[in-house]
């Protein structure tokens, strides 16, 4: 399974929707994922890809990790995976 598909699967699970309802342009907020769901999504992503996402749940707006859309999340994960290999 590729990175994008896995991220969409994780996000869809958090939003309790079908993966087909998640697009690259989707935002977490637009999918109904609240701050707790966001944190759970980050943990699931870290576990799935064995990476450390630079995200502080106490200061989500100060994160260097772009969570603005599914596409930017996938790009960020790809970058983290490259940096760790």
N, C-alpha and C. Protein backbone atom coordinates (compact mmCIF):
# COMPACT_ATOMS: atom_id res chain seq x y z
N UNK A 1 0.85 -1.19 0.00
CA UNK A 1 0.00 0.00 0.00
C UNK A 1 0.89 1.25 0.00
N UNK A 2 0.55 2.21 -0.84
CA UNK A 2 1.38 3.41 -0.91
C UNK A 2 1.04 4.38 0.22
N UNK A 3 1.88 5.38 0.38
CA UNK A 3 1.74 6.34 1.48
C UNK A 3 0.39 7.04 1.43
N UNK A 4 0.03 7.54 0.25
CA UNK A 4 -1.22 8.30 0.11
C UNK A 4 -2.43 7.45 0.52
N UNK A 5 -2.47 6.20 0.04
CA UNK A 5 -3.60 5.31 0.36
C UNK A 5 -3.70 5.05 1.85
N UNK A 6 -2.55 4.84 2.49
CA UNK A 6 -2.54 4.57 3.93
C UNK A 6 -3.00 5.81 4.71
N UNK A 7 -2.53 6.99 4.32
CA UNK A 7 -2.94 8.23 4.99
C UNK A 7 -4.46 8.42 4.85
N UNK A 8 -4.97 8.20 3.65
CA UNK A 8 -6.41 8.35 3.43
C UNK A 8 -7.19 7.34 4.28
N UNK A 9 -6.67 6.13 4.39
CA UNK A 9 -7.32 5.11 5.21
C UNK A 9 -7.37 5.56 6.68
N UNK A 10 -6.26 6.07 7.20
CA UNK A 10 -6.19 6.53 8.59
C UNK A 10 -7.16 7.69 8.81
N UNK A 11 -7.16 8.65 7.90
CA UNK A 11 -8.03 9.82 8.04
C UNK A 11 -9.50 9.42 7.93
N UNK A 12 -9.82 8.54 7.01
CA UNK A 12 -11.20 8.07 6.86
C UNK A 12 -11.66 7.35 8.13
N UNK A 13 -10.77 6.54 8.72
CA UNK A 13 -11.11 5.86 9.98
C UNK A 13 -11.44 6.88 11.06
N UNK A 14 -10.63 7.93 11.17
CA UNK A 14 -10.85 8.95 12.19
C UNK A 14 -12.16 9.70 11.96
N UNK A 15 -12.47 9.97 10.71
CA UNK A 15 -13.67 10.73 10.37
C UNK A 15 -14.91 9.84 10.31
N UNK A 16 -14.69 8.52 10.39
CA UNK A 16 -15.76 7.54 10.27
C UNK A 16 -16.52 7.73 8.96
N UNK A 17 -15.76 7.77 7.88
CA UNK A 17 -16.32 7.89 6.53
C UNK A 17 -15.63 6.89 5.62
N UNK A 18 -16.12 6.77 4.41
CA UNK A 18 -15.50 5.88 3.42
C UNK A 18 -14.23 6.53 2.87
N UNK A 19 -13.25 5.72 2.52
CA UNK A 19 -12.02 6.27 1.94
C UNK A 19 -12.33 7.02 0.64
N UNK A 20 -13.36 6.62 -0.07
CA UNK A 20 -13.72 7.29 -1.33
C UNK A 20 -14.21 8.72 -1.10
N UNK A 21 -14.57 9.05 0.16
CA UNK A 21 -15.03 10.40 0.48
C UNK A 21 -13.88 11.34 0.82
N UNK A 22 -12.64 10.82 0.82
CA UNK A 22 -11.45 11.62 1.15
C UNK A 22 -10.67 11.88 -0.14
N UNK A 23 -10.39 13.17 -0.41
CA UNK A 23 -9.60 13.52 -1.60
C UNK A 23 -8.34 14.26 -1.16
N UNK A 24 -7.44 14.51 -2.11
CA UNK A 24 -6.22 15.26 -1.81
C UNK A 24 -6.53 16.65 -1.27
N UNK A 25 -7.64 17.22 -1.73
CA UNK A 25 -8.00 18.58 -1.32
C UNK A 25 -8.74 18.62 0.01
N UNK A 26 -9.15 17.46 0.51
CA UNK A 26 -9.90 17.41 1.77
C UNK A 26 -9.07 18.01 2.91
N UNK A 27 -9.76 18.73 3.79
CA UNK A 27 -9.12 19.20 5.02
C UNK A 27 -9.65 18.34 6.16
N UNK A 28 -8.86 18.22 7.21
CA UNK A 28 -9.29 17.42 8.35
C UNK A 28 -10.55 18.04 8.97
N UNK A 29 -10.53 19.35 9.08
CA UNK A 29 -11.68 20.07 9.63
C UNK A 29 -12.93 19.83 8.76
N UNK A 30 -12.74 19.90 7.45
CA UNK A 30 -13.85 19.69 6.53
C UNK A 30 -14.42 18.28 6.60
N UNK A 31 -13.59 17.33 7.03
CA UNK A 31 -14.04 15.95 7.17
C UNK A 31 -14.63 15.69 8.56
N UNK A 32 -14.64 16.72 9.40
CA UNK A 32 -15.24 16.58 10.72
C UNK A 32 -14.29 16.04 11.78
N UNK A 33 -13.00 16.13 11.53
CA UNK A 33 -12.02 15.65 12.51
C UNK A 33 -11.68 16.80 13.46
N UNK A 34 -11.94 16.59 14.74
CA UNK A 34 -11.67 17.63 15.75
C UNK A 34 -10.23 17.51 16.24
N UNK A 35 -9.89 18.31 17.24
CA UNK A 35 -8.49 18.33 17.71
C UNK A 35 -8.07 16.98 18.29
N UNK A 36 -8.96 16.28 18.97
CA UNK A 36 -8.62 14.96 19.50
C UNK A 36 -8.41 13.98 18.35
N UNK A 37 -9.28 14.05 17.35
CA UNK A 37 -9.14 13.19 16.17
C UNK A 37 -7.85 13.47 15.43
N UNK A 38 -7.45 14.74 15.42
CA UNK A 38 -6.20 15.14 14.78
C UNK A 38 -5.02 14.46 15.48
N UNK A 39 -5.00 14.54 16.80
CA UNK A 39 -3.92 13.93 17.57
C UNK A 39 -3.90 12.42 17.34
N UNK A 40 -5.08 11.79 17.34
CA UNK A 40 -5.15 10.35 17.11
C UNK A 40 -4.67 10.01 15.70
N UNK A 41 -4.99 10.86 14.73
CA UNK A 41 -4.53 10.64 13.36
C UNK A 41 -3.01 10.71 13.28
N UNK A 42 -2.43 11.70 13.95
CA UNK A 42 -0.96 11.86 13.97
C UNK A 42 -0.32 10.61 14.57
N UNK A 43 -0.86 10.14 15.70
CA UNK A 43 -0.30 8.94 16.33
C UNK A 43 -0.38 7.75 15.39
N UNK A 44 -1.53 7.59 14.72
CA UNK A 44 -1.72 6.46 13.80
C UNK A 44 -0.74 6.55 12.62
N UNK A 45 -0.53 7.77 12.13
CA UNK A 45 0.42 7.98 11.02
C UNK A 45 1.84 7.64 11.48
N UNK A 46 2.22 8.12 12.67
CA UNK A 46 3.56 7.83 13.19
C UNK A 46 3.78 6.33 13.31
N UNK A 47 2.77 5.64 13.82
CA UNK A 47 2.87 4.20 14.00
C UNK A 47 2.93 3.47 12.66
N UNK A 48 2.09 3.86 11.72
CA UNK A 48 2.01 3.19 10.43
C UNK A 48 3.31 3.32 9.64
N UNK A 49 3.96 4.49 9.74
CA UNK A 49 5.15 4.74 8.91
C UNK A 49 6.45 4.74 9.71
N UNK A 50 6.35 4.49 11.03
CA UNK A 50 7.52 4.48 11.90
C UNK A 50 8.32 5.78 11.76
N UNK A 51 7.61 6.89 11.90
CA UNK A 51 8.23 8.22 11.82
C UNK A 51 7.79 9.04 13.02
N UNK A 52 8.46 10.17 13.22
CA UNK A 52 8.11 11.11 14.27
C UNK A 52 7.63 12.39 13.60
N UNK A 53 6.35 12.70 13.74
CA UNK A 53 5.79 13.91 13.14
C UNK A 53 6.04 15.09 14.07
N UNK A 54 6.64 16.17 13.55
CA UNK A 54 6.91 17.35 14.39
C UNK A 54 5.61 18.11 14.67
N UNK A 55 4.89 17.63 15.68
CA UNK A 55 3.58 18.21 16.00
C UNK A 55 3.43 18.25 17.50
N UNK A 56 3.05 19.40 18.04
CA UNK A 56 2.81 19.56 19.46
C UNK A 56 1.31 19.79 19.65
N UNK A 57 0.65 18.84 20.27
CA UNK A 57 -0.81 18.92 20.45
C UNK A 57 -1.21 20.15 21.26
N UNK A 58 -0.30 20.63 22.11
CA UNK A 58 -0.61 21.81 22.92
C UNK A 58 -0.51 23.11 22.12
N UNK A 59 0.24 23.07 21.01
CA UNK A 59 0.41 24.25 20.16
C UNK A 59 0.27 23.84 18.69
N UNK A 60 -0.92 23.36 18.31
CA UNK A 60 -1.07 22.82 16.94
C UNK A 60 -0.82 23.84 15.85
N UNK A 61 -1.04 25.11 16.12
CA UNK A 61 -0.85 26.14 15.09
C UNK A 61 0.62 26.50 14.89
N UNK A 62 1.48 26.04 15.78
CA UNK A 62 2.90 26.36 15.68
C UNK A 62 3.70 25.20 15.09
N UNK A 63 3.01 24.21 14.58
CA UNK A 63 3.67 23.04 14.01
C UNK A 63 4.31 23.39 12.67
N UNK A 64 5.49 22.82 12.42
CA UNK A 64 6.13 23.02 11.12
C UNK A 64 5.58 22.02 10.11
N UNK A 65 4.75 21.10 10.58
CA UNK A 65 4.16 20.08 9.72
C UNK A 65 2.84 20.60 9.18
N UNK A 66 2.71 20.66 7.86
CA UNK A 66 1.54 21.26 7.21
C UNK A 66 0.36 20.28 7.21
N UNK A 67 -0.66 20.61 8.00
CA UNK A 67 -1.84 19.75 8.11
C UNK A 67 -3.04 20.35 7.39
N UNK A 68 -2.78 21.25 6.43
CA UNK A 68 -3.88 21.99 5.82
C UNK A 68 -4.74 21.14 4.88
N UNK A 69 -4.19 20.07 4.31
CA UNK A 69 -4.99 19.20 3.45
C UNK A 69 -4.37 17.80 3.42
N UNK A 70 -5.11 16.86 2.89
CA UNK A 70 -4.60 15.50 2.77
C UNK A 70 -3.31 15.49 1.94
N UNK A 71 -3.30 16.26 0.85
CA UNK A 71 -2.11 16.29 -0.03
C UNK A 71 -0.87 16.79 0.72
N UNK A 72 -1.02 17.84 1.53
CA UNK A 72 0.15 18.37 2.25
C UNK A 72 0.60 17.41 3.35
N UNK A 73 -0.33 16.68 3.94
CA UNK A 73 0.03 15.69 4.95
C UNK A 73 0.85 14.57 4.29
N UNK A 74 0.40 14.10 3.13
CA UNK A 74 1.12 13.04 2.40
C UNK A 74 2.52 13.53 2.03
N UNK A 75 2.63 14.77 1.52
CA UNK A 75 3.94 15.33 1.16
C UNK A 75 4.85 15.39 2.38
N UNK A 76 4.30 15.82 3.51
CA UNK A 76 5.10 15.91 4.73
C UNK A 76 5.60 14.56 5.19
N UNK A 77 4.75 13.55 5.09
CA UNK A 77 5.15 12.19 5.48
C UNK A 77 6.23 11.66 4.55
N UNK A 78 6.07 11.89 3.24
CA UNK A 78 7.10 11.44 2.29
C UNK A 78 8.44 12.07 2.61
N UNK A 79 8.42 13.35 2.96
CA UNK A 79 9.66 14.06 3.30
C UNK A 79 10.28 13.47 4.57
N UNK A 80 9.46 13.21 5.59
CA UNK A 80 9.97 12.63 6.84
C UNK A 80 10.57 11.26 6.61
N UNK A 81 9.92 10.45 5.77
CA UNK A 81 10.44 9.11 5.48
C UNK A 81 11.78 9.20 4.77
N UNK A 82 11.91 10.13 3.80
CA UNK A 82 13.19 10.33 3.09
C UNK A 82 14.29 10.75 4.06
N UNK A 83 13.95 11.67 4.96
CA UNK A 83 14.96 12.19 5.90
C UNK A 83 15.44 11.10 6.84
N UNK A 84 14.59 10.13 7.14
CA UNK A 84 14.97 9.10 8.11
C UNK A 84 15.65 7.91 7.48
N UNK A 85 15.68 7.86 6.14
CA UNK A 85 16.32 6.70 5.51
C UNK A 85 17.76 6.99 5.12
